[in-house]
């Protein structure tokens, strides 16, 4: 058994969770700044059999897409105005960071 921990954009979570349900696996979503360290991100935890890991990674790869984000730079407060870029810049965001960990023991307690 393996534990798959995927940190993805919160915008991609709902479709990914729907895909997991159709595939027949359940997942737990952890959302918020304290869980993943930055706004707009969510962590999804999935426990699967070893032979299901490639399929799970394929689903994550299909849904956790990269995208461009327009960032408006802050205007300078100091005297170094000559280095200020006067327009929005584009920054890449999205995708996923996925960790696949071995599981020594799994127990289901109650309905969780």
Protein backbone atom coordinates (compact mmCIF):
# COMPACT_ATOMS: atom_id res chain seq x y z
CA UNK A 1 0.00 0.00 0.00
CA UNK A 2 1.09 3.56 -0.76
CA UNK A 3 0.15 7.00 0.49
CA UNK A 4 0.02 9.60 -2.29
CA UNK A 5 0.26 13.21 -1.11
CA UNK A 6 -0.36 15.77 -3.85
CA UNK A 7 -0.06 19.53 -3.33
CA UNK A 8 -2.04 21.21 -6.12
CA UNK A 9 -3.89 24.43 -6.95
CA UNK A 10 -7.19 24.67 -5.09
CA UNK A 11 -8.92 25.39 -8.42
CA UNK A 12 -8.03 21.87 -9.64
CA UNK A 13 -9.17 19.95 -6.56
CA UNK A 14 -12.89 19.43 -7.29
CA UNK A 15 -12.38 17.83 -10.69
CA UNK A 16 -9.55 15.71 -9.36
CA UNK A 17 -11.66 14.45 -6.44
CA UNK A 18 -14.46 13.60 -8.92
CA UNK A 19 -11.95 11.62 -11.01
CA UNK A 20 -10.78 9.71 -7.93
CA UNK A 21 -14.39 8.83 -7.06
CA UNK A 22 -15.01 7.53 -10.60
CA UNK A 23 -11.78 5.53 -10.36
CA UNK A 24 -13.00 3.99 -7.09
CA UNK A 25 -10.60 5.50 -4.57
CA UNK A 26 -11.36 7.94 -1.80
CA UNK A 27 -9.24 10.96 -1.03
CA UNK A 28 -8.97 13.51 1.75
CA UNK A 29 -8.52 17.18 0.95
CA UNK A 30 -6.62 19.49 3.30
CA UNK A 31 -7.03 23.11 2.34
CA UNK A 32 -5.69 26.31 3.80
CA UNK A 33 -2.59 28.32 4.47
CA UNK A 34 -1.60 26.34 7.55
CA UNK A 35 -1.74 23.01 5.71
CA UNK A 36 0.27 23.85 2.61
CA UNK A 37 1.95 27.17 3.36
CA UNK A 38 0.55 29.35 0.59
CA UNK A 39 -2.90 30.60 -0.35
CA UNK A 40 -4.54 28.94 -3.32
CA UNK A 41 -3.00 25.53 -2.68
CA UNK A 42 -4.56 22.36 -1.35
CA UNK A 43 -3.18 19.00 -0.27
CA UNK A 44 -4.91 15.81 -1.37
CA UNK A 45 -4.11 12.55 0.43
CA UNK A 46 -4.92 9.19 -1.17
CA UNK A 47 -4.25 5.69 0.12
CA UNK A 48 -3.97 3.16 -2.75
CA UNK A 49 -2.62 -0.25 -3.61
CA UNK A 50 0.84 -0.34 -5.17
CA UNK A 51 -0.55 -1.24 -8.60
CA UNK A 52 -2.90 1.80 -8.57
CA UNK A 53 -0.12 4.39 -8.16
CA UNK A 54 0.56 4.86 -11.91
CA UNK A 55 -3.16 5.44 -12.58
CA UNK A 56 -3.40 7.95 -9.73
CA UNK A 57 -0.35 9.83 -11.03
CA UNK A 58 -1.93 9.91 -14.50
CA UNK A 59 -5.13 11.44 -13.07
CA UNK A 60 -3.15 14.06 -11.14
CA UNK A 61 -1.06 14.87 -14.21
CA UNK A 62 -4.22 15.35 -16.30
CA UNK A 63 -5.91 17.71 -13.82
CA UNK A 64 -3.09 19.64 -12.12
CA UNK A 65 -2.30 21.83 -15.09
CA UNK A 66 0.08 24.72 -15.20
CA UNK A 67 -1.21 28.20 -15.94
CA UNK A 68 0.06 31.74 -16.30
CA UNK A 69 -0.65 34.25 -13.54
CA UNK A 70 -0.51 38.01 -14.10
CA UNK A 71 1.32 39.72 -11.23
CA UNK A 72 1.17 43.47 -10.74
CA UNK A 73 4.51 44.67 -9.32
CA UNK A 74 4.56 46.90 -6.26
CA UNK A 75 5.41 50.52 -6.88
CA UNK A 76 8.67 51.57 -5.24
CA UNK A 77 8.62 53.74 -2.13
CA UNK A 78 12.31 54.63 -2.14
CA UNK A 79 14.57 56.58 -4.47
CA UNK A 80 15.44 53.58 -6.72
CA UNK A 81 12.65 54.19 -9.23
CA UNK A 82 14.88 53.43 -12.23
CA UNK A 83 14.61 49.67 -11.51
CA UNK A 84 10.83 49.57 -11.37
CA UNK A 85 9.04 47.56 -14.08
CA UNK A 86 5.91 49.61 -14.86
CA UNK A 87 3.57 46.81 -15.93
CA UNK A 88 2.24 43.41 -14.97
CA UNK A 89 4.53 40.44 -15.33
CA UNK A 90 3.61 36.87 -16.03
CA UNK A 91 4.51 34.10 -13.59
CA UNK A 92 3.97 30.38 -14.01
CA UNK A 93 1.79 28.64 -11.45
CA UNK A 94 -0.13 25.40 -11.10
CA UNK A 95 1.04 21.87 -11.60
CA UNK A 96 1.57 19.60 -8.64
CA UNK A 97 4.11 18.35 -6.16
CA UNK A 98 3.43 14.66 -5.54
CA UNK A 99 4.93 12.42 -2.87
CA UNK A 100 4.44 8.64 -2.93
CA UNK A 101 5.21 7.07 0.45
CA UNK A 102 5.16 3.47 1.64
CA UNK A 103 2.51 2.57 4.23
CA UNK A 104 3.40 0.08 6.94
CA UNK A 105 -0.02 -0.02 8.53
CA UNK A 106 -3.51 1.23 7.74
CA UNK A 107 -6.54 1.18 10.01
CA UNK A 108 -9.99 2.64 9.43
CA UNK A 109 -11.50 3.89 12.68
CA UNK A 110 -15.16 4.78 12.62
CA UNK A 111 -16.47 6.42 9.51
CA UNK A 112 -13.40 8.55 8.66
